[in-house]
């Protein structure tokens, strides 16, 4: 690709179809990529991401046995892999509206409909290098900003745009990241804690109004379950942020929300 040197970039391809993966591998070789690994199954992708620094993930999203979108969501939330900011392109042989939305909500950077030709992959990779979207963090989403497409829950908050590290771009152009990896990771973790805290406040108000008879909730059990889920995730994450001193408060909230959910069952 003109102006971009991909010879040092490491690409991980996930494809259940051997013929399909060979085709995709050949396309990436024609673009100048030399370090290419293929794995068949989202579980094998997870294992590889946990042990190998990767610059680009290109994976099918149509597997029956494994949910690649769930894996990408876990990757973005730091539960899988070494780099939550690694660029991710999805592949699909069934480009329905549902598939497109599912991939967008996972935090992937883009989706390529198969079968396709090399120029479409070339355009997708060039976009990741030259104009990758900044990330946003909400209570249930970390990934490229596409609020006009998936409308992540922001509840009217000011959600900042974060120019995340991009190893693919660094190796292709030699241009360093705007924000160093460790600093960006701290920003994302603190944004997640703040979004969770805001969400907990909204849920607490809704639950309070329901039990006071001020405004009945459409599904109070769902609100209670969500409160417990968000509080538990916040308790797990908060120790790595400047809000770590609120850890005990989170633990109490988890206990209370769990008791309320049990009582409402």
Protein backbone atom coordinates (compact mmCIF):
# COMPACT_ATOMS: atom_id res chain seq x y z
CA UNK A 1 0.00 0.00 0.00
CA UNK A 2 1.52 3.28 -1.14
CA UNK A 3 3.15 5.19 1.70
CA UNK A 4 2.46 2.48 4.27
CA UNK A 5 4.97 -0.21 5.22
CA UNK A 6 3.13 -3.21 6.67
CA UNK A 7 6.10 -5.56 6.58
CA UNK A 8 6.55 -5.46 10.37
CA UNK A 9 2.85 -5.59 11.30
CA UNK A 10 1.44 -8.78 12.82
CA UNK A 11 -2.03 -9.80 11.60
CA UNK A 12 -4.23 -12.39 13.31
CA UNK A 13 -6.93 -13.88 11.07
CA UNK A 14 -9.86 -15.81 12.49
CA UNK A 15 -11.78 -17.84 9.93
CA UNK A 16 -13.70 -21.14 10.24
CA UNK A 17 -13.31 -21.83 6.52
CA UNK A 18 -9.85 -22.98 5.45
CA UNK A 19 -10.34 -21.80 1.86
CA UNK A 20 -11.64 -18.43 3.08
CA UNK A 21 -8.70 -17.92 5.42
CA UNK A 22 -6.21 -18.73 2.65
CA UNK A 23 -7.90 -16.18 0.42
CA UNK A 24 -7.80 -13.49 3.12
CA UNK A 25 -4.19 -14.37 3.97
CA UNK A 26 -3.21 -13.96 0.30
CA UNK A 27 -4.94 -10.59 0.10
CA UNK A 28 -3.00 -9.34 3.11
CA UNK A 29 0.24 -10.69 1.68
CA UNK A 30 -0.44 -8.73 -1.51
CA UNK A 31 -0.74 -5.59 0.63
CA UNK A 32 2.73 -6.14 2.04
CA UNK A 33 1.93 -7.92 5.30
CA UNK A 34 4.42 -10.67 6.12
CA UNK A 35 3.59 -11.75 9.67
CA UNK A 36 0.19 -13.42 9.36
CA UNK A 37 -1.31 -16.03 11.69
CA UNK A 38 -4.58 -17.90 11.12
CA UNK A 39 -6.75 -19.39 13.87
CA UNK A 40 -9.98 -21.37 13.44
CA UNK A 41 -12.35 -20.58 16.31
CA UNK A 42 -12.89 -17.60 18.61
CA UNK A 43 -11.48 -19.62 21.50
CA UNK A 44 -8.17 -20.04 19.65
CA UNK A 45 -8.19 -16.32 18.86
CA UNK A 46 -8.55 -15.52 22.57
CA UNK A 47 -5.64 -17.78 23.48
CA UNK A 48 -3.43 -16.19 20.84
CA UNK A 49 -4.36 -12.63 21.82
CA UNK A 50 -3.48 -13.46 25.43
CA UNK A 51 0.08 -14.41 24.52
CA UNK A 52 1.06 -12.54 21.34
CA UNK A 53 1.20 -8.80 20.68
CA UNK A 54 -1.02 -8.23 17.66
CA UNK A 55 -1.33 -5.18 15.39
CA UNK A 56 -4.54 -6.11 13.56
CA UNK A 57 -7.30 -8.67 14.10
CA UNK A 58 -9.41 -9.77 11.12
CA UNK A 59 -12.07 -12.25 12.13
CA UNK A 60 -15.22 -13.87 10.86
CA UNK A 61 -18.31 -13.06 12.94
CA UNK A 62 -20.57 -15.85 11.63
CA UNK A 63 -19.25 -18.78 13.67
CA UNK A 64 -21.94 -20.97 15.14
CA UNK A 65 -20.01 -22.29 18.13
CA UNK A 66 -18.35 -19.08 19.29
CA UNK A 67 -19.38 -15.44 19.45
CA UNK A 68 -16.63 -13.30 18.01
CA UNK A 69 -18.53 -10.12 18.90
CA UNK A 70 -18.56 -11.16 22.54
CA UNK A 71 -14.82 -11.77 22.34
CA UNK A 72 -14.24 -8.31 20.83
CA UNK A 73 -16.31 -6.71 23.58
CA UNK A 74 -14.20 -8.55 26.16
CA UNK A 75 -11.05 -7.44 24.34
CA UNK A 76 -12.11 -3.80 24.48
CA UNK A 77 -12.90 -4.13 28.20
CA UNK A 78 -9.46 -5.54 28.97
CA UNK A 79 -10.70 -9.04 29.78
CA UNK A 80 -9.00 -10.68 26.78
CA UNK A 81 -5.67 -10.03 25.11
CA UNK A 82 -2.69 -7.76 25.70
CA UNK A 83 -3.95 -4.66 23.87
CA UNK A 84 -7.58 -3.50 24.23
CA UNK A 85 -6.99 -0.90 21.50
CA UNK A 86 -5.88 -3.27 18.73
CA UNK A 87 -7.71 -2.54 15.44
CA UNK A 88 -10.38 -5.14 14.64
CA UNK A 89 -12.10 -5.84 11.32
CA UNK A 90 -15.01 -8.27 11.18
CA UNK A 91 -15.77 -10.55 8.22
CA UNK A 92 -19.25 -11.74 7.36
CA UNK A 93 -20.95 -13.81 4.67
CA UNK A 94 -24.33 -12.61 5.96
CA UNK A 95 -24.30 -8.81 6.02
CA UNK A 96 -27.75 -8.25 7.50
CA UNK A 97 -28.69 -5.13 9.48
CA UNK A 98 -28.64 -7.26 12.64
CA UNK A 99 -25.10 -8.47 11.92
CA UNK A 100 -23.86 -4.94 11.18
CA UNK A 101 -25.36 -3.60 14.42
CA UNK A 102 -24.02 -6.53 16.46
CA UNK A 103 -20.50 -5.95 15.17
CA UNK A 104 -20.76 -2.19 15.77
CA UNK A 105 -21.88 -2.72 19.37
CA UNK A 106 -18.97 -5.07 20.04
CA UNK A 107 -16.39 -2.31 19.62
CA UNK A 108 -14.93 -3.56 16.34
CA UNK A 109 -13.56 -0.92 13.97
CA UNK A 110 -15.34 -2.14 10.87
CA UNK A 111 -16.99 -4.95 8.94
CA UNK A 112 -16.11 -6.35 5.52
CA UNK A 113 -18.78 -8.27 3.59
CA UNK A 114 -17.52 -11.47 1.97
CA UNK A 115 -16.72 -12.52 -0.65
CA UNK A 116 -14.79 -9.43 -1.61
CA UNK A 117 -11.70 -8.24 -3.45
CA UNK A 118 -8.40 -6.92 -2.24
CA UNK A 119 -9.18 -3.26 -2.84
CA UNK A 120 -11.93 -3.31 -0.22
CA UNK A 121 -9.55 -4.73 2.37
CA UNK A 122 -7.00 -2.16 1.25
CA UNK A 123 -9.46 0.67 1.84
CA UNK A 124 -10.42 -0.72 5.26
CA UNK A 125 -6.80 -1.01 6.37
CA UNK A 126 -5.95 2.44 5.01
CA UNK A 127 -8.83 3.91 7.03
CA UNK A 128 -7.47 2.28 10.19
CA UNK A 129 -4.05 3.81 9.54
CA UNK A 130 -5.07 7.25 8.30
CA UNK A 131 -8.39 8.09 9.94
CA UNK A 132 -9.25 5.61 12.65
CA UNK A 133 -12.15 6.79 14.76
CA UNK A 134 -11.39 7.88 18.32
CA UNK A 135 -12.86 5.74 21.11
CA UNK A 136 -15.71 6.53 23.45
CA UNK A 137 -16.50 4.87 26.78
CA UNK A 138 -20.02 4.30 28.10
CA UNK A 139 -21.36 2.01 30.78
CA UNK A 140 -21.67 -0.89 28.32
CA UNK A 141 -19.44 0.04 25.38
CA UNK A 142 -15.78 0.76 24.67
CA UNK A 143 -14.85 1.28 21.07
CA UNK A 144 -14.81 3.58 18.04
CA UNK A 145 -17.13 6.56 18.21
CA UNK A 146 -20.18 5.79 16.11
CA UNK A 147 -22.92 7.39 18.18
CA UNK A 148 -24.89 8.14 15.04
CA UNK A 149 -24.99 4.40 14.25
CA UNK A 150 -25.52 2.50 17.52
CA UNK A 151 -26.53 5.23 19.99
CA UNK A 152 -24.63 3.95 23.04
CA UNK A 153 -26.22 4.94 26.33
CA UNK A 154 -24.76 8.29 27.38
CA UNK A 155 -27.79 9.65 29.28
CA UNK A 156 -26.96 13.16 28.10
CA UNK A 157 -23.40 13.07 29.50
CA UNK A 158 -20.45 14.73 27.85
CA UNK A 159 -18.50 11.69 26.64
CA UNK A 160 -14.97 12.63 25.49
CA UNK A 161 -13.36 11.27 22.35
CA UNK A 162 -10.12 9.36 23.05
CA UNK A 163 -7.39 8.98 20.37
CA UNK A 164 -6.30 5.49 21.39
CA UNK A 165 -2.94 3.84 20.60
CA UNK A 166 -2.74 2.21 17.20
CA UNK A 167 0.16 -0.20 16.72
CA UNK A 168 -0.84 -0.78 13.09
CA UNK A 169 -0.46 2.93 12.34
CA UNK A 170 2.79 3.27 14.29
CA UNK A 171 4.47 0.45 12.39
CA UNK A 172 3.09 1.50 9.01
CA UNK A 173 4.02 5.18 9.27
CA UNK A 174 6.56 5.54 12.08
CA UNK A 175 4.34 8.19 13.69
CA UNK A 176 4.02 7.74 17.48
CA UNK A 177 0.69 7.56 19.28
CA UNK A 178 -0.84 10.84 20.48
CA UNK A 179 -1.34 9.31 23.95
CA UNK A 180 1.04 6.65 25.34
CA UNK A 181 -0.49 3.22 25.96
CA UNK A 182 -0.40 3.24 29.78
CA UNK A 183 -1.82 6.77 30.02
CA UNK A 184 -4.62 5.92 27.58
CA UNK A 185 -5.44 2.77 29.54
CA UNK A 186 -5.78 4.88 32.71
CA UNK A 187 -8.05 7.36 30.91
CA UNK A 188 -10.31 4.57 29.66
CA UNK A 189 -10.48 2.91 33.09
CA UNK A 190 -11.42 6.18 34.78
CA UNK A 191 -13.97 6.99 32.09
CA UNK A 192 -15.55 3.57 32.64
CA UNK A 193 -15.72 4.20 36.40
CA UNK A 194 -17.35 7.60 35.83
CA UNK A 195 -19.88 6.22 33.34
CA UNK A 196 -20.73 3.41 35.77
CA UNK A 197 -21.17 5.87 38.64
CA UNK A 198 -23.52 7.98 36.53
CA UNK A 199 -25.51 4.90 35.47
CA UNK A 200 -25.79 3.76 39.09
CA UNK A 201 -27.20 7.18 40.02
CA UNK A 202 -29.84 6.97 37.26
CA UNK A 203 -30.84 3.44 38.25
CA UNK A 204 -30.99 4.34 41.96
CA UNK A 205 -33.33 7.25 41.24
CA UNK A 206 -35.58 5.06 39.11
CA UNK A 207 -35.69 2.33 41.76
CA UNK A 208 -36.33 4.86 44.55
CA UNK A 209 -39.20 6.47 42.63
CA UNK A 210 -40.71 3.05 41.95
CA UNK A 211 -40.76 1.97 45.58
CA UNK A 212 -41.98 5.39 46.76
CA UNK A 213 -44.88 5.15 44.36
CA UNK A 214 -43.80 8.29 42.49
CA UNK A 215 -43.23 6.62 39.13
CA UNK A 216 -43.64 2.93 38.44
CA UNK A 217 -40.72 1.38 36.54
CA UNK A 218 -41.53 -0.61 33.40
CA UNK A 219 -39.43 -3.54 34.67
CA UNK A 220 -38.14 -3.03 38.21
CA UNK A 221 -36.48 -6.45 38.29
CA UNK A 222 -34.44 -5.59 35.20
CA UNK A 223 -33.39 -2.31 36.85
CA UNK A 224 -32.33 -4.13 40.01
CA UNK A 225 -30.37 -6.72 38.04
CA UNK A 226 -28.67 -3.97 36.04
CA UNK A 227 -27.79 -2.09 39.23
CA UNK A 228 -26.17 -5.20 40.66
CA UNK A 229 -24.28 -5.88 37.41
CA UNK A 230 -22.95 -2.32 37.06
CA UNK A 231 -22.03 -2.09 40.76
CA UNK A 232 -20.18 -5.41 40.59
CA UNK A 233 -18.25 -4.36 37.48
CA UNK A 234 -17.40 -1.00 39.06
CA UNK A 235 -16.14 -2.71 42.22
CA UNK A 236 -13.92 -4.93 40.07
CA UNK A 237 -12.48 -2.04 38.06
CA UNK A 238 -12.26 0.82 40.53
CA UNK A 239 -9.08 -0.38 42.26
CA UNK A 240 -7.10 0.55 39.12
CA UNK A 241 -8.32 4.16 39.09
CA UNK A 242 -7.95 7.31 41.17
CA UNK A 243 -11.32 6.42 42.68
CA UNK A 244 -9.92 3.33 44.42
CA UNK A 245 -10.74 4.84 47.85
CA UNK A 246 -14.45 4.30 47.03
CA UNK A 247 -13.98 0.53 46.78
CA UNK A 248 -15.70 -0.21 50.09
CA UNK A 249 -18.71 1.88 49.06
CA UNK A 250 -18.94 -0.16 45.85
CA UNK A 251 -18.84 -3.37 47.86
CA UNK A 252 -21.73 -2.18 50.03
CA UNK A 253 -23.69 -1.20 46.93
CA UNK A 254 -23.17 -4.65 45.43
CA UNK A 255 -24.52 -6.26 48.62
CA UNK A 256 -27.55 -3.96 48.79
CA UNK A 257 -28.40 -4.32 45.10
CA UNK A 258 -28.08 -8.11 45.37
CA UNK A 259 -30.42 -8.18 48.38
CA UNK A 260 -32.99 -6.01 46.55
CA UNK A 261 -32.83 -8.20 43.45
CA UNK A 262 -33.34 -11.32 45.57
CA UNK A 263 -36.28 -9.75 47.41
CA UNK A 264 -37.93 -8.77 44.12
CA UNK A 265 -37.56 -12.27 42.64
